[in-house]
Structure formats: structure tokens, C-alpha cells
N, C-alpha and C. Protein backbone atom coordinates (compact mmCIF):
# COMPACT_ATOMS: atom_id res chain seq x y z
N MET A 1 0.82 -1.15 -0.04
CA MET A 1 -0.03 0.01 -0.05
C MET A 1 0.94 1.27 -0.05
N THR A 2 0.55 2.21 -0.82
CA THR A 2 1.45 3.39 -1.05
C THR A 2 0.69 4.70 -0.80
N ALA A 3 1.25 5.63 -0.23
CA ALA A 3 0.71 7.07 -0.05
C ALA A 3 1.77 8.02 -0.67
N THR A 4 1.28 8.99 -1.44
CA THR A 4 2.11 9.96 -2.14
C THR A 4 1.56 11.36 -1.83
N SER A 5 2.35 12.37 -1.64
CA SER A 5 1.94 13.68 -1.28
C SER A 5 2.53 14.74 -2.20
N SER A 6 2.52 15.97 -1.59
CA SER A 6 2.96 17.15 -2.38
C SER A 6 4.56 17.31 -2.32
N GLN A 7 4.98 18.62 -2.83
CA GLN A 7 6.43 18.80 -2.85
C GLN A 7 7.12 18.91 -1.61
N HIS A 8 6.43 19.28 -0.57
CA HIS A 8 6.98 19.33 0.85
C HIS A 8 6.19 18.38 1.65
N GLY A 9 6.83 17.79 2.64
CA GLY A 9 6.28 16.98 3.63
C GLY A 9 6.51 15.59 3.21
N LEU A 10 5.39 14.66 3.28
CA LEU A 10 5.53 13.27 2.98
C LEU A 10 5.39 13.15 1.42
N LEU A 11 6.41 12.67 0.84
CA LEU A 11 6.48 12.41 -0.70
C LEU A 11 6.06 10.97 -1.04
N HIS A 12 6.45 9.94 -0.13
CA HIS A 12 6.10 8.73 -0.40
C HIS A 12 6.18 7.84 0.84
N SER A 13 5.16 6.95 0.91
CA SER A 13 5.06 6.07 2.20
C SER A 13 4.48 4.79 1.64
N ALA A 14 5.08 3.58 2.02
CA ALA A 14 4.51 2.28 1.52
C ALA A 14 5.00 1.13 2.49
N ILE A 15 4.14 0.23 2.51
CA ILE A 15 4.38 -1.13 3.10
C ILE A 15 4.66 -1.99 1.81
N VAL A 16 5.81 -2.65 1.83
CA VAL A 16 6.24 -3.44 0.64
C VAL A 16 6.65 -4.86 0.96
N THR A 17 6.59 -5.63 -0.04
CA THR A 17 7.08 -7.14 0.16
C THR A 17 8.33 -7.33 -0.60
N GLU A 18 8.76 -6.42 -1.49
CA GLU A 18 10.06 -6.58 -2.22
C GLU A 18 11.13 -5.82 -1.46
N PRO A 19 12.42 -6.21 -1.81
CA PRO A 19 13.53 -5.33 -1.28
C PRO A 19 13.33 -3.83 -1.58
N ILE A 20 13.72 -3.10 -0.51
CA ILE A 20 13.57 -1.58 -0.50
C ILE A 20 14.73 -0.95 -1.34
N ASP A 21 14.35 -0.20 -2.40
CA ASP A 21 15.24 0.41 -3.25
C ASP A 21 15.64 1.88 -2.56
N VAL A 22 16.71 1.89 -1.86
CA VAL A 22 17.11 3.04 -1.12
C VAL A 22 17.39 4.17 -2.10
N ALA A 23 18.16 3.96 -3.20
CA ALA A 23 18.42 4.96 -4.07
C ALA A 23 17.19 5.71 -4.70
N ARG A 24 16.19 4.92 -4.88
CA ARG A 24 14.85 5.52 -5.41
C ARG A 24 14.24 6.40 -4.33
N LEU A 25 14.41 5.97 -3.13
CA LEU A 25 13.84 6.86 -2.06
C LEU A 25 14.60 8.14 -1.97
N ILE A 26 15.90 8.03 -2.02
CA ILE A 26 16.72 9.23 -2.01
C ILE A 26 16.40 10.16 -3.11
N ALA A 27 16.30 9.63 -4.26
CA ALA A 27 15.92 10.44 -5.49
C ALA A 27 14.53 10.99 -5.37
N THR A 28 13.56 10.48 -4.78
CA THR A 28 12.37 11.08 -4.35
C THR A 28 12.38 12.33 -3.64
N THR A 29 13.33 12.34 -2.66
CA THR A 29 13.40 13.49 -1.84
C THR A 29 14.33 14.70 -2.22
N GLN A 30 15.08 14.36 -3.34
CA GLN A 30 15.89 15.48 -3.91
C GLN A 30 15.17 16.67 -4.54
N ALA A 31 15.64 17.87 -4.26
CA ALA A 31 14.98 18.96 -4.79
C ALA A 31 15.90 20.23 -4.56
N ALA A 32 15.57 21.29 -5.26
CA ALA A 32 16.26 22.56 -5.16
C ALA A 32 16.23 23.03 -3.74
N GLY A 33 17.32 23.44 -3.13
CA GLY A 33 17.30 23.87 -1.68
C GLY A 33 17.62 22.76 -0.65
N VAL A 34 17.54 21.50 -1.11
CA VAL A 34 17.85 20.46 -0.09
C VAL A 34 19.38 20.40 0.09
N GLY A 35 19.78 20.56 1.25
CA GLY A 35 21.33 20.46 1.45
C GLY A 35 21.64 19.27 2.55
N ALA A 36 20.62 18.51 2.90
CA ALA A 36 20.95 17.49 3.81
C ALA A 36 19.93 16.25 3.75
N LEU A 37 20.42 15.16 3.69
CA LEU A 37 19.64 13.95 3.59
C LEU A 37 20.02 13.10 4.76
N SER A 38 19.15 12.71 5.61
CA SER A 38 19.34 11.71 6.68
C SER A 38 18.76 10.41 6.14
N VAL A 39 19.53 9.42 6.11
CA VAL A 39 18.99 8.10 5.73
C VAL A 39 19.10 7.11 6.91
N PHE A 40 17.95 6.60 7.20
CA PHE A 40 18.02 5.54 8.36
C PHE A 40 17.62 4.33 7.69
N LEU A 41 18.41 3.30 7.88
CA LEU A 41 18.04 1.96 7.48
C LEU A 41 17.92 0.93 8.69
N GLY A 42 16.92 0.31 8.81
CA GLY A 42 16.84 -0.75 9.86
C GLY A 42 17.01 -2.08 9.21
N THR A 43 18.05 -2.75 9.74
CA THR A 43 18.28 -4.06 9.14
C THR A 43 18.02 -5.28 10.04
N VAL A 44 17.90 -6.40 9.55
CA VAL A 44 17.82 -7.62 10.47
C VAL A 44 19.26 -7.99 10.82
N ARG A 45 19.38 -8.05 12.34
CA ARG A 45 20.64 -8.29 12.77
C ARG A 45 20.87 -9.76 13.14
N ASP A 46 22.05 -10.20 13.37
CA ASP A 46 22.29 -11.63 13.61
C ASP A 46 22.34 -12.13 15.01
N LEU A 47 22.08 -11.05 15.92
CA LEU A 47 22.12 -11.57 17.29
C LEU A 47 21.08 -10.58 18.07
N ASN A 48 20.25 -11.23 18.98
CA ASN A 48 19.42 -10.43 19.87
C ASN A 48 19.40 -11.09 21.07
N ASP A 49 19.51 -10.31 22.17
CA ASP A 49 19.51 -10.81 23.57
C ASP A 49 20.45 -12.03 23.76
N GLY A 50 21.55 -11.93 23.06
CA GLY A 50 22.51 -13.14 23.19
C GLY A 50 22.18 -14.31 22.43
N ARG A 51 21.21 -14.26 21.59
CA ARG A 51 20.75 -15.49 20.85
C ARG A 51 21.08 -15.17 19.27
N GLY A 52 21.68 -16.13 18.65
CA GLY A 52 21.93 -16.07 17.26
C GLY A 52 20.65 -16.07 16.49
N VAL A 53 20.58 -15.20 15.45
CA VAL A 53 19.31 -15.02 14.77
C VAL A 53 19.72 -15.29 13.21
N SER A 54 18.88 -16.07 12.52
CA SER A 54 19.11 -16.37 11.12
C SER A 54 18.25 -15.56 10.22
N GLY A 55 17.10 -15.01 10.78
CA GLY A 55 16.11 -14.25 9.83
C GLY A 55 15.02 -13.73 10.65
N MET A 56 14.06 -13.18 10.03
CA MET A 56 12.93 -12.53 10.72
C MET A 56 11.65 -12.49 9.84
N ASP A 57 10.53 -12.70 10.37
CA ASP A 57 9.30 -12.60 9.71
C ASP A 57 8.61 -11.23 10.07
N TYR A 58 8.20 -10.37 9.25
CA TYR A 58 7.53 -9.20 9.55
C TYR A 58 6.21 -9.35 9.03
N GLU A 59 5.16 -9.16 9.95
CA GLU A 59 3.74 -9.27 9.58
C GLU A 59 3.10 -7.94 10.06
N ALA A 60 1.99 -7.56 9.32
CA ALA A 60 1.32 -6.39 9.38
C ALA A 60 -0.25 -6.47 9.11
N TYR A 61 -0.92 -5.64 9.89
CA TYR A 61 -2.27 -5.42 9.40
C TYR A 61 -2.08 -4.33 8.33
N GLU A 62 -1.96 -4.81 7.10
CA GLU A 62 -1.36 -3.87 6.07
C GLU A 62 -2.08 -2.63 5.81
N SER A 63 -3.39 -2.56 5.72
CA SER A 63 -4.06 -1.29 5.31
C SER A 63 -3.91 -0.38 6.62
N MET A 64 -4.04 -0.79 7.86
CA MET A 64 -3.81 0.06 8.99
C MET A 64 -2.40 0.51 9.14
N ALA A 65 -1.38 -0.36 8.93
CA ALA A 65 -0.03 -0.07 8.93
C ALA A 65 0.26 1.00 7.95
N ALA A 66 -0.11 0.95 6.75
CA ALA A 66 0.14 1.83 5.65
C ALA A 66 -0.43 3.29 6.06
N LEU A 67 -1.63 3.19 6.60
CA LEU A 67 -2.22 4.53 7.01
C LEU A 67 -1.49 5.13 8.16
N GLU A 68 -1.07 4.34 9.14
CA GLU A 68 -0.44 4.88 10.34
C GLU A 68 1.02 5.32 9.98
N LEU A 69 1.69 4.55 9.09
CA LEU A 69 3.04 4.92 8.63
C LEU A 69 3.00 6.29 8.05
N ALA A 70 1.97 6.47 7.10
CA ALA A 70 1.91 7.76 6.44
C ALA A 70 1.48 8.91 7.54
N SER A 71 0.60 8.61 8.34
CA SER A 71 0.20 9.53 9.46
C SER A 71 1.41 9.98 10.29
N VAL A 72 2.24 9.05 10.72
CA VAL A 72 3.39 9.38 11.54
C VAL A 72 4.33 10.31 10.73
N ALA A 73 4.66 9.96 9.43
CA ALA A 73 5.51 10.83 8.77
C ALA A 73 4.91 12.22 8.52
N ARG A 74 3.63 12.25 8.30
CA ARG A 74 2.98 13.62 7.92
C ARG A 74 3.08 14.49 9.34
N GLU A 75 2.95 13.71 10.42
CA GLU A 75 2.99 14.60 11.69
C GLU A 75 4.31 15.17 11.90
N VAL A 76 5.31 14.35 11.56
CA VAL A 76 6.68 14.87 11.85
C VAL A 76 6.97 16.07 10.83
N CYS A 77 6.48 15.83 9.51
CA CYS A 77 6.66 16.89 8.52
C CYS A 77 5.91 18.18 9.01
N ASP A 78 4.72 18.07 9.62
CA ASP A 78 4.04 19.13 10.10
C ASP A 78 4.79 19.90 11.18
N ARG A 79 5.52 19.24 11.97
CA ARG A 79 6.25 19.82 13.10
C ARG A 79 7.63 20.42 12.55
N ILE A 80 8.21 19.77 11.50
CA ILE A 80 9.40 20.33 10.91
C ILE A 80 9.30 20.94 9.56
N SER A 81 9.12 22.29 9.51
CA SER A 81 8.85 22.95 8.28
C SER A 81 9.96 22.74 7.33
N GLY A 82 9.52 22.36 6.04
CA GLY A 82 10.46 22.12 4.96
C GLY A 82 10.84 20.77 4.85
N LEU A 83 10.55 19.88 5.74
CA LEU A 83 11.08 18.50 5.69
C LEU A 83 10.37 17.79 4.55
N ARG A 84 11.11 16.90 3.86
CA ARG A 84 10.69 16.17 2.75
C ARG A 84 10.97 14.68 3.19
N VAL A 85 9.97 13.77 3.10
CA VAL A 85 10.20 12.38 3.61
C VAL A 85 9.79 11.30 2.56
N ALA A 86 10.55 10.27 2.42
CA ALA A 86 10.20 9.04 1.70
C ALA A 86 10.56 7.78 2.71
N ILE A 87 9.45 6.97 2.85
CA ILE A 87 9.59 5.93 3.73
C ILE A 87 9.01 4.55 3.24
N GLU A 88 9.70 3.59 3.51
CA GLU A 88 9.15 2.16 3.19
C GLU A 88 9.40 1.24 4.35
N HIS A 89 8.52 0.39 4.69
CA HIS A 89 8.67 -0.75 5.62
C HIS A 89 8.37 -2.18 4.92
N ARG A 90 9.23 -2.94 4.96
CA ARG A 90 9.06 -4.29 4.27
C ARG A 90 8.43 -5.24 5.30
N ILE A 91 7.57 -6.13 4.67
CA ILE A 91 7.00 -7.21 5.40
C ILE A 91 7.38 -8.51 4.67
N GLY A 92 7.18 -9.60 5.36
CA GLY A 92 7.50 -10.89 4.88
C GLY A 92 8.65 -11.50 5.52
N THR A 93 9.36 -12.52 4.91
CA THR A 93 10.51 -13.19 5.49
C THR A 93 11.80 -12.55 5.07
N LEU A 94 12.64 -12.12 5.92
CA LEU A 94 13.83 -11.32 5.57
C LEU A 94 15.06 -12.08 6.18
N ASP A 95 16.10 -12.02 5.56
CA ASP A 95 17.39 -12.66 5.97
C ASP A 95 18.20 -11.59 6.75
N VAL A 96 19.14 -12.18 7.50
CA VAL A 96 20.16 -11.20 8.28
C VAL A 96 20.78 -10.27 7.14
N GLY A 97 20.82 -8.99 7.64
CA GLY A 97 21.30 -7.96 6.73
C GLY A 97 20.36 -7.22 5.81
N ASP A 98 19.13 -7.90 5.58
CA ASP A 98 18.12 -7.24 4.72
C ASP A 98 17.64 -6.03 5.41
N VAL A 99 17.21 -5.06 4.55
CA VAL A 99 16.66 -3.83 5.08
C VAL A 99 15.19 -4.01 5.29
N SER A 100 14.82 -3.71 6.59
CA SER A 100 13.41 -4.00 6.90
C SER A 100 12.50 -2.58 6.74
N VAL A 101 13.34 -1.50 7.16
CA VAL A 101 12.64 -0.11 7.12
C VAL A 101 13.69 0.88 6.47
N ALA A 102 13.31 1.84 5.61
CA ALA A 102 14.19 2.85 5.11
C ALA A 102 13.45 4.10 5.30
N ILE A 103 14.14 5.08 5.85
CA ILE A 103 13.51 6.53 6.05
C ILE A 103 14.51 7.47 5.41
N VAL A 104 14.06 8.21 4.47
CA VAL A 104 14.95 9.43 3.98
C VAL A 104 14.17 10.68 4.29
N ALA A 105 14.92 11.48 5.11
CA ALA A 105 14.34 12.78 5.61
C ALA A 105 15.28 13.79 4.93
N ALA A 106 14.80 14.68 4.19
CA ALA A 106 15.61 15.68 3.52
C ALA A 106 15.16 17.09 3.87
N HIS A 107 16.07 17.96 4.02
CA HIS A 107 15.85 19.30 4.44
C HIS A 107 17.01 20.25 3.96
N ALA A 108 16.83 21.58 3.99
CA ALA A 108 17.90 22.50 3.75
C ALA A 108 19.04 22.32 4.59
N HIS A 109 18.84 21.94 5.92
CA HIS A 109 19.84 21.80 6.96
C HIS A 109 19.94 20.57 7.65
N ARG A 110 21.06 20.11 8.14
CA ARG A 110 21.27 18.82 8.67
C ARG A 110 20.47 18.49 9.96
N GLY A 111 20.27 19.45 10.86
CA GLY A 111 19.59 19.27 12.09
C GLY A 111 18.17 18.87 11.90
N PRO A 112 17.42 19.53 11.08
CA PRO A 112 16.05 19.13 10.92
C PRO A 112 15.94 17.70 10.20
N ALA A 113 16.81 17.52 9.27
CA ALA A 113 16.84 16.12 8.56
C ALA A 113 17.10 15.07 9.57
N LEU A 114 18.13 15.24 10.40
CA LEU A 114 18.43 14.14 11.38
C LEU A 114 17.27 14.05 12.38
N ASP A 115 16.83 15.14 12.93
CA ASP A 115 15.64 15.12 13.82
C ASP A 115 14.46 14.43 13.26
N GLY A 116 14.15 14.71 11.98
CA GLY A 116 12.96 14.08 11.29
C GLY A 116 13.08 12.56 11.25
N ALA A 117 14.22 12.11 10.79
CA ALA A 117 14.45 10.70 10.63
C ALA A 117 14.17 10.02 12.03
N ARG A 118 14.87 10.59 12.98
CA ARG A 118 14.80 9.97 14.37
C ARG A 118 13.32 9.98 14.94
N ALA A 119 12.60 11.12 14.62
CA ALA A 119 11.30 11.17 15.28
C ALA A 119 10.42 10.16 14.57
N ILE A 120 10.54 9.95 13.22
CA ILE A 120 9.77 9.03 12.41
C ILE A 120 9.96 7.55 12.94
N ILE A 121 11.27 7.21 13.07
CA ILE A 121 11.54 5.76 13.46
C ILE A 121 11.00 5.58 14.95
N GLU A 122 11.23 6.48 15.73
CA GLU A 122 10.70 6.32 17.22
C GLU A 122 9.12 6.14 17.15
N ALA A 123 8.47 7.11 16.49
CA ALA A 123 6.99 6.95 16.50
C ALA A 123 6.54 5.69 15.75
N LEU A 124 7.21 5.24 14.80
CA LEU A 124 6.90 4.20 13.93
C LEU A 124 6.80 2.85 14.81
N LYS A 125 7.97 2.81 15.60
CA LYS A 125 8.00 1.61 16.48
C LYS A 125 6.93 1.52 17.54
N GLN A 126 6.48 2.69 17.92
CA GLN A 126 5.40 2.68 18.98
C GLN A 126 4.00 2.58 18.34
N ARG A 127 3.77 2.99 17.13
CA ARG A 127 2.39 3.17 16.61
C ARG A 127 1.97 2.32 15.47
N VAL A 128 2.97 1.83 14.63
CA VAL A 128 2.59 1.24 13.33
C VAL A 128 2.49 -0.24 13.69
N PRO A 129 1.38 -0.85 13.30
CA PRO A 129 0.99 -2.35 13.59
C PRO A 129 1.82 -3.30 12.67
N ILE A 130 3.07 -3.42 12.86
CA ILE A 130 3.93 -4.37 12.37
C ILE A 130 4.65 -5.18 13.33
N TRP A 131 4.57 -6.59 13.21
CA TRP A 131 5.17 -7.41 14.28
C TRP A 131 6.13 -8.19 13.69
N LYS A 132 7.17 -8.62 14.46
CA LYS A 132 8.34 -9.37 14.04
C LYS A 132 8.51 -10.59 14.80
N ARG A 133 8.79 -11.71 14.15
CA ARG A 133 9.07 -12.97 14.72
C ARG A 133 10.51 -13.46 14.25
N GLU A 134 11.35 -13.59 15.27
CA GLU A 134 12.75 -13.91 14.94
C GLU A 134 12.93 -15.41 14.72
N HIS A 135 13.84 -15.77 13.90
CA HIS A 135 14.15 -17.18 13.59
C HIS A 135 15.58 -17.36 14.17
N TYR A 136 15.73 -18.23 15.27
CA TYR A 136 16.95 -18.43 15.95
C TYR A 136 17.76 -19.59 15.28
N LEU A 137 19.02 -19.49 15.50
CA LEU A 137 20.00 -20.48 14.89
C LEU A 137 19.54 -21.88 15.33
N ASP A 138 19.04 -22.05 16.56
CA ASP A 138 18.75 -23.42 17.09
C ASP A 138 17.36 -23.95 16.55
N GLY A 139 16.72 -23.24 15.62
CA GLY A 139 15.47 -23.58 15.00
C GLY A 139 14.30 -23.07 15.56
N GLU A 140 14.35 -22.53 16.76
CA GLU A 140 13.26 -21.95 17.52
C GLU A 140 12.78 -20.58 16.73
N ARG A 141 11.50 -20.27 16.80
CA ARG A 141 11.02 -18.93 16.33
C ARG A 141 10.23 -18.37 17.45
N ALA A 142 10.32 -17.05 17.64
CA ALA A 142 9.63 -16.39 18.59
C ALA A 142 9.14 -14.99 18.30
N TRP A 143 7.95 -14.59 18.65
CA TRP A 143 7.56 -13.20 18.31
C TRP A 143 8.26 -12.29 19.34
N VAL A 144 8.77 -11.10 18.89
CA VAL A 144 9.45 -10.09 19.64
C VAL A 144 8.44 -9.15 20.40
N ASP A 145 8.66 -8.95 21.62
CA ASP A 145 7.77 -8.02 22.25
C ASP A 145 8.24 -6.64 22.18
N PRO A 146 7.52 -5.80 21.28
CA PRO A 146 8.12 -4.45 21.22
C PRO A 146 8.27 -3.61 22.36
N THR A 147 7.33 -3.83 23.38
CA THR A 147 7.35 -3.13 24.66
C THR A 147 8.51 -3.42 25.51
N ARG A 148 8.95 -4.54 25.40
CA ARG A 148 10.22 -4.95 26.19
C ARG A 148 11.52 -4.29 25.52
N ALA A 149 11.53 -4.26 24.28
CA ALA A 149 12.74 -3.63 23.68
C ALA A 149 12.69 -2.16 23.86
N ALA A 150 11.47 -1.47 23.82
CA ALA A 150 11.38 -0.05 24.18
C ALA A 150 11.85 0.28 25.48
N ALA A 151 11.40 -0.52 26.54
CA ALA A 151 11.82 -0.38 27.89
C ALA A 151 13.26 -0.42 28.06
N ARG A 152 14.01 -1.42 27.42
CA ARG A 152 15.40 -1.47 27.57
C ARG A 152 16.15 -0.35 27.02
N ILE A 153 15.55 0.16 25.81
CA ILE A 153 16.20 1.30 25.20
C ILE A 153 16.09 2.52 26.20
N ASP A 154 14.83 2.81 26.69
CA ASP A 154 14.69 3.84 27.58
C ASP A 154 15.68 3.96 28.71
N VAL A 155 16.06 2.72 29.28
CA VAL A 155 17.05 2.76 30.31
C VAL A 155 18.45 2.59 29.97
N GLY A 156 18.66 2.55 28.55
CA GLY A 156 20.07 2.57 27.94
C GLY A 156 20.64 1.19 28.00
N LEU A 157 19.92 0.14 27.99
CA LEU A 157 20.40 -1.23 28.08
C LEU A 157 20.74 -1.81 26.68
N THR A 158 20.14 -1.30 25.60
CA THR A 158 20.36 -1.85 24.28
C THR A 158 20.12 -0.70 23.23
N ASP A 159 20.38 -1.08 22.03
CA ASP A 159 20.21 -0.03 20.86
C ASP A 159 19.38 -0.56 19.88
N ALA A 160 18.19 -1.07 20.06
CA ALA A 160 17.37 -1.57 18.98
C ALA A 160 17.59 -0.93 17.74
């Protein structure tokens, strides 16, 4: 599901099943006056809580996730004047190293671009109905509790 908007603000937002084309997202945000691009890529890591990970399943309530993803990006664009955003989140089965989420935040200046990308990923983790199930090296699979990870980050124990 895809959302597209005007010249400023949210330019592209989608839940996708194919690999994310980061170069295309970057090109989407390019414009006269843009002097800074902040690119955030979330990837499947090979270790979580001391356990080896071989992959991850991402599932979503797709229509709701697409709407909420666009809503999060629009809200951040409304708070940061001049911000241009392109974002995609992938669902399905991903391997270690695959990109699960890509956010490109573009602005005339680096501070707002960096702030925009960070605000979007933080809100996305809290609000967008996308769930992940890790595949462990020992063959077990388990759903990840997003509230547990958020609590650990809040106290500085990990860096999801």
C-alpha cells in the first residue's frame, strides 16, 4: 500500500514485500534547496538478547499499517517545516542484513533532517502495527515483544 503527497512533507510512504530501493527513495526527496539527507536503514541483525538470529518474519495489518506509517510521517513533517520524507517498511520473511525499514528525511539543513528521521523511526516503533518473529539458529522462532525492547532502550540497556 502506498501514499504519495505534495512537494513538501510526505512524498512517499509504503508497506512493501520486495527489497527496498534506497536509491529510489533518496531520488524522491531530492529538490532545489535540499542540503541534507538523513537516511535511516533498519536491518535484520544476527544477534538479539544473546541469541543467534538467522532471519525474521515481519507481519502487518497492512491497510492500517500503511495509513499509520503515512500519518506518523505527516505529523513529523508538520512539526518540521520544509522537511521532505520518503519511507518504506518491508513485510515478509527477511534474511540477516536485509533492510526492513528505510527512511529518507531531506531538508535544507542537517539538524532538521536528522531530527525528522529519528522522530519518524521512534513513532513508527510505537504506533505502526507491524510485528516481528525472529528465527533463531537453534531452529526456534519467537515473536518479539516491542514493549520490552522499548523499555530496555529507555534505560540505555540496548540499541534496538
